[in-house]
Amino acid sequence: MENKHKYSLCIYCADIGNVRHHYKESVANSGKKRSYKVNEILPTCVECNALLGSKNPSYEECCYFLYDKVSQRHKSIISMPNWDEDELEELSGHLKRQIKASLTMKKIHLERLEKLIQNAQSNTTYEDIKDILCIEY
């Protein structure tokens, strides 16, 4: 029996990939009842999967598309100024916790964007990813 709670990394941004992305056009947009063939799905995070929707361009195009969408979606956190430890020490209570949490989210989103642009600039294909993940055909 397959473990339904198995986590892996998102093939686009390397966040937790706990949902499946149907990367083949025939599966996602066929108009027929969807079939879930193992060789036509790959792990993605919730955000990448939702942003892609039924789009099925090449892996490279998906990464560029996601880079634009994620950077636009989280621009308020990404553009937040950095705070050093001395500045944070001047704060207290809820404000300090909120600033620290925002800085952590900024770091996470910047790492995701870095991974997206690296993947977009690579020559990786969906077939390469399936080979790396050892998905059998």
C-alpha atoms as a PDB file:
ATOM      1  CA  MET A   1       0.000   0.000   0.000  1.00  0.00           C
ATOM      2  CA  GLU A   2       1.317   3.405  -0.964  1.00  0.00           C
ATOM      3  CA  ASN A   3       2.038   5.941   1.775  1.00  0.00           C
ATOM      4  CA  LYS A   4      -0.301   8.886   1.119  1.00  0.00           C
ATOM      5  CA  HIS A   5       1.680  11.140   3.450  1.00  0.00           C
ATOM      6  CA  LYS A   6       5.019  10.707   1.722  1.00  0.00           C
ATOM      7  CA  TYR A   7       6.803  14.017   1.217  1.00  0.00           C
ATOM      8  CA  SER A   8       9.447  14.889  -1.304  1.00  0.00           C
ATOM      9  CA  LEU A   9      10.775  18.120  -2.737  1.00  0.00           C
ATOM     10  CA  CYS A  10       9.001  20.270  -5.288  1.00  0.00           C
ATOM     11  CA  ILE A  11      10.622  19.739  -8.685  1.00  0.00           C
ATOM     12  CA  TYR A  12      10.500  23.491  -9.324  1.00  0.00           C
ATOM     13  CA  CYS A  13      11.388  25.362  -6.109  1.00  0.00           C
ATOM     14  CA  ALA A  14      12.593  22.581  -3.738  1.00  0.00           C
ATOM     15  CA  ASP A  15       9.930  23.363  -1.122  1.00  0.00           C
ATOM     16  CA  ILE A  16       7.982  20.456   0.385  1.00  0.00           C
ATOM     17  CA  GLY A  17       6.401  18.667  -2.574  1.00  0.00           C
ATOM     18  CA  ASN A  18       3.312  17.082  -1.123  1.00  0.00           C
ATOM     19  CA  VAL A  19       1.007  17.378  -4.154  1.00  0.00           C
ATOM     20  CA  ARG A  20       1.159  15.940  -7.669  1.00  0.00           C
ATOM     21  CA  HIS A  21       1.614  17.968 -10.837  1.00  0.00           C
ATOM     22  CA  HIS A  22       0.300  16.496 -14.076  1.00  0.00           C
ATOM     23  CA  TYR A  23       2.878  17.755 -16.480  1.00  0.00           C
ATOM     24  CA  LYS A  24       1.507  16.145 -19.634  1.00  0.00           C
ATOM     25  CA  GLU A  25      -1.044  18.047 -21.677  1.00  0.00           C
ATOM     26  CA  SER A  26      -3.015  14.928 -22.491  1.00  0.00           C
ATOM     27  CA  VAL A  27      -3.726  14.221 -18.836  1.00  0.00           C
ATOM     28  CA  ALA A  28      -4.538  17.704 -17.607  1.00  0.00           C
ATOM     29  CA  ASN A  29      -6.606  19.015 -20.507  1.00  0.00           C
ATOM     30  CA  SER A  30      -8.033  15.984 -22.256  1.00  0.00           C
ATOM     31  CA  GLY A  31     -11.632  16.648 -21.196  1.00  0.00           C
ATOM     32  CA  LYS A  32     -11.880  13.044 -20.086  1.00  0.00           C
ATOM     33  CA  LYS A  33     -11.839  11.696 -16.574  1.00  0.00           C
ATOM     34  CA  ARG A  34      -8.336  12.190 -15.286  1.00  0.00           C
ATOM     35  CA  SER A  35      -6.148   9.187 -14.982  1.00  0.00           C
ATOM     36  CA  TYR A  36      -3.290   9.232 -12.521  1.00  0.00           C
ATOM     37  CA  LYS A  37      -0.487   7.370 -14.210  1.00  0.00           C
ATOM     38  CA  VAL A  38       2.704   7.332 -12.173  1.00  0.00           C
ATOM     39  CA  ASN A  39       4.805   8.294 -15.159  1.00  0.00           C
ATOM     40  CA  GLU A  40       2.752  11.447 -15.810  1.00  0.00           C
ATOM     41  CA  ILE A  41       2.911  13.066 -12.366  1.00  0.00           C
ATOM     42  CA  LEU A  42       5.748  14.648 -10.413  1.00  0.00           C
ATOM     43  CA  PRO A  43       5.913  16.125  -6.892  1.00  0.00           C
ATOM     44  CA  THR A  44       5.339  19.850  -6.449  1.00  0.00           C
ATOM     45  CA  CYS A  45       4.518  22.180  -3.604  1.00  0.00           C
ATOM     46  CA  VAL A  46       1.000  23.491  -3.200  1.00  0.00           C
ATOM     47  CA  GLU A  47       1.882  26.996  -4.414  1.00  0.00           C
ATOM     48  CA  CYS A  48       3.726  25.935  -7.583  1.00  0.00           C
ATOM     49  CA  ASN A  49       0.966  23.493  -8.476  1.00  0.00           C
ATOM     50  CA  ALA A  50      -1.747  26.127  -7.948  1.00  0.00           C
ATOM     51  CA  LEU A  51       0.134  28.797  -9.914  1.00  0.00           C
ATOM     52  CA  LEU A  52       0.754  26.452 -12.843  1.00  0.00           C
ATOM     53  CA  GLY A  53      -2.830  25.241 -12.966  1.00  0.00           C
ATOM     54  CA  SER A  54      -3.338  23.414 -16.228  1.00  0.00           C
ATOM     55  CA  LYS A  55      -0.352  25.040 -17.958  1.00  0.00           C
ATOM     56  CA  ASN A  56       1.990  22.447 -19.401  1.00  0.00           C
ATOM     57  CA  PRO A  57       4.895  24.124 -21.164  1.00  0.00           C
ATOM     58  CA  SER A  58       8.440  22.825 -20.941  1.00  0.00           C
ATOM     59  CA  TYR A  59      10.163  22.507 -17.578  1.00  0.00           C
ATOM     60  CA  GLU A  60      12.281  25.580 -18.318  1.00  0.00           C
ATOM     61  CA  GLU A  61       9.224  27.689 -19.216  1.00  0.00           C
ATOM     62  CA  CYS A  62       7.413  26.520 -16.081  1.00  0.00           C
ATOM     63  CA  CYS A  63      10.354  27.612 -13.919  1.00  0.00           C
ATOM     64  CA  TYR A  64      10.479  31.077 -15.517  1.00  0.00           C
ATOM     65  CA  PHE A  65       6.698  31.422 -15.219  1.00  0.00           C
ATOM     66  CA  LEU A  66       6.809  30.386 -11.549  1.00  0.00           C
ATOM     67  CA  TYR A  67       9.727  32.730 -10.841  1.00  0.00           C
ATOM     68  CA  ASP A  68       7.670  35.672 -12.097  1.00  0.00           C
ATOM     69  CA  LYS A  69       4.517  34.619 -10.263  1.00  0.00           C
ATOM     70  CA  VAL A  70       6.177  33.792  -6.925  1.00  0.00           C
ATOM     71  CA  SER A  71       8.228  37.020  -6.925  1.00  0.00           C
ATOM     72  CA  GLN A  72       5.105  39.032  -7.734  1.00  0.00           C
ATOM     73  CA  ARG A  73       2.951  37.209  -5.182  1.00  0.00           C
ATOM     74  CA  HIS A  74       5.437  37.716  -2.326  1.00  0.00           C
ATOM     75  CA  LYS A  75       6.918  41.072  -3.339  1.00  0.00           C
ATOM     76  CA  SER A  76       5.945  42.789  -0.062  1.00  0.00           C
ATOM     77  CA  ILE A  77       7.946  40.278   2.005  1.00  0.00           C
ATOM     78  CA  ILE A  78      10.827  40.043  -0.489  1.00  0.00           C
ATOM     79  CA  SER A  79      11.228  43.832  -0.602  1.00  0.00           C
ATOM     80  CA  MET A  80      11.179  44.089   3.205  1.00  0.00           C
ATOM     81  CA  PRO A  81      14.387  45.681   4.514  1.00  0.00           C
ATOM     82  CA  ASN A  82      16.841  43.507   6.399  1.00  0.00           C
ATOM     83  CA  TRP A  83      17.211  44.082  10.113  1.00  0.00           C
ATOM     84  CA  ASP A  84      20.443  43.490  12.007  1.00  0.00           C
ATOM     85  CA  GLU A  85      20.550  42.064  15.536  1.00  0.00           C
ATOM     86  CA  ASP A  86      20.999  45.491  17.167  1.00  0.00           C
ATOM     87  CA  GLU A  87      17.873  46.820  15.474  1.00  0.00           C
ATOM     88  CA  LEU A  88      15.902  43.733  16.471  1.00  0.00           C
ATOM     89  CA  GLU A  89      17.046  44.064  20.100  1.00  0.00           C
ATOM     90  CA  GLU A  90      15.435  47.519  20.255  1.00  0.00           C
ATOM     91  CA  LEU A  91      12.061  45.915  19.523  1.00  0.00           C
ATOM     92  CA  SER A  92      10.011  43.851  21.926  1.00  0.00           C
ATOM     93  CA  GLY A  93       6.995  41.598  22.160  1.00  0.00           C
ATOM     94  CA  HIS A  94       4.697  40.971  19.232  1.00  0.00           C
ATOM     95  CA  LEU A  95       6.428  43.414  16.883  1.00  0.00           C
ATOM     96  CA  LYS A  96       9.794  41.706  17.357  1.00  0.00           C
ATOM     97  CA  ARG A  97       8.282  38.246  16.753  1.00  0.00           C
ATOM     98  CA  GLN A  98       6.437  39.509  13.674  1.00  0.00           C
ATOM     99  CA  ILE A  99       9.575  41.091  12.169  1.00  0.00           C
ATOM    100  CA  LYS A 100      11.615  37.928  12.831  1.00  0.00           C
ATOM    101  CA  ALA A 101       8.892  35.751  11.246  1.00  0.00           C
ATOM    102  CA  SER A 102       8.769  38.042   8.203  1.00  0.00           C
ATOM    103  CA  LEU A 103      12.549  37.885   7.846  1.00  0.00           C
ATOM    104  CA  THR A 104      12.367  34.083   7.965  1.00  0.00           C
ATOM    105  CA  MET A 105       9.674  34.077   5.265  1.00  0.00           C
ATOM    106  CA  LYS A 106      11.778  36.469   3.184  1.00  0.00           C
ATOM    107  CA  LYS A 107      14.729  34.072   3.414  1.00  0.00           C
ATOM    108  CA  ILE A 108      12.538  31.102   2.414  1.00  0.00           C
ATOM    109  CA  HIS A 109      11.052  32.904  -0.598  1.00  0.00           C
ATOM    110  CA  LEU A 110      14.446  34.159  -1.747  1.00  0.00           C
ATOM    111  CA  GLU A 111      15.806  30.603  -1.576  1.00  0.00           C
ATOM    112  CA  ARG A 112      12.808  29.346  -3.575  1.00  0.00           C
ATOM    113  CA  LEU A 113      13.331  32.073  -6.192  1.00  0.00           C
ATOM    114  CA  GLU A 114      17.019  31.201  -6.411  1.00  0.00           C
ATOM    115  CA  LYS A 115      16.150  27.550  -7.008  1.00  0.00           C
ATOM    116  CA  LEU A 116      13.529  28.485  -9.631  1.00  0.00           C
ATOM    117  CA  ILE A 117      15.992  30.608 -11.599  1.00  0.00           C
ATOM    118  CA  GLN A 118      18.694  27.918 -11.349  1.00  0.00           C
ATOM    119  CA  ASN A 119      16.259  25.330 -12.680  1.00  0.00           C
ATOM    120  CA  ALA A 120      15.066  27.668 -15.437  1.00  0.00           C
ATOM    121  CA  GLN A 121      18.636  28.235 -16.611  1.00  0.00           C
ATOM    122  CA  SER A 122      19.522  24.555 -16.602  1.00  0.00           C
ATOM    123  CA  ASN A 123      18.846  22.266 -19.512  1.00  0.00           C
ATOM    124  CA  THR A 124      16.761  19.928 -17.367  1.00  0.00           C
ATOM    125  CA  THR A 125      13.683  18.271 -18.840  1.00  0.00           C
ATOM    126  CA  TYR A 126      10.811  16.368 -17.249  1.00  0.00           C
ATOM    127  CA  GLU A 127      12.431  13.152 -18.458  1.00  0.00           C
ATOM    128  CA  ASP A 128      15.650  14.084 -16.622  1.00  0.00           C
ATOM    129  CA  ILE A 129      13.684  14.701 -13.435  1.00  0.00           C
ATOM    130  CA  LYS A 130      11.934  11.363 -13.731  1.00  0.00           C
ATOM    131  CA  ASP A 131      15.347   9.692 -14.109  1.00  0.00           C
ATOM    132  CA  ILE A 132      16.669  11.531 -11.038  1.00  0.00           C
ATOM    133  CA  LEU A 133      13.602  10.544  -9.008  1.00  0.00           C
ATOM    134  CA  CYS A 134      13.848   6.977 -10.343  1.00  0.00           C
ATOM    135  CA  ILE A 135      10.264   6.934 -11.577  1.00  0.00           C
ATOM    136  CA  GLU A 136       9.690   3.883 -13.703  1.00  0.00           C
ATOM    137  CA  TYR A 137       7.785   4.046 -16.962  1.00  0.00           C
END
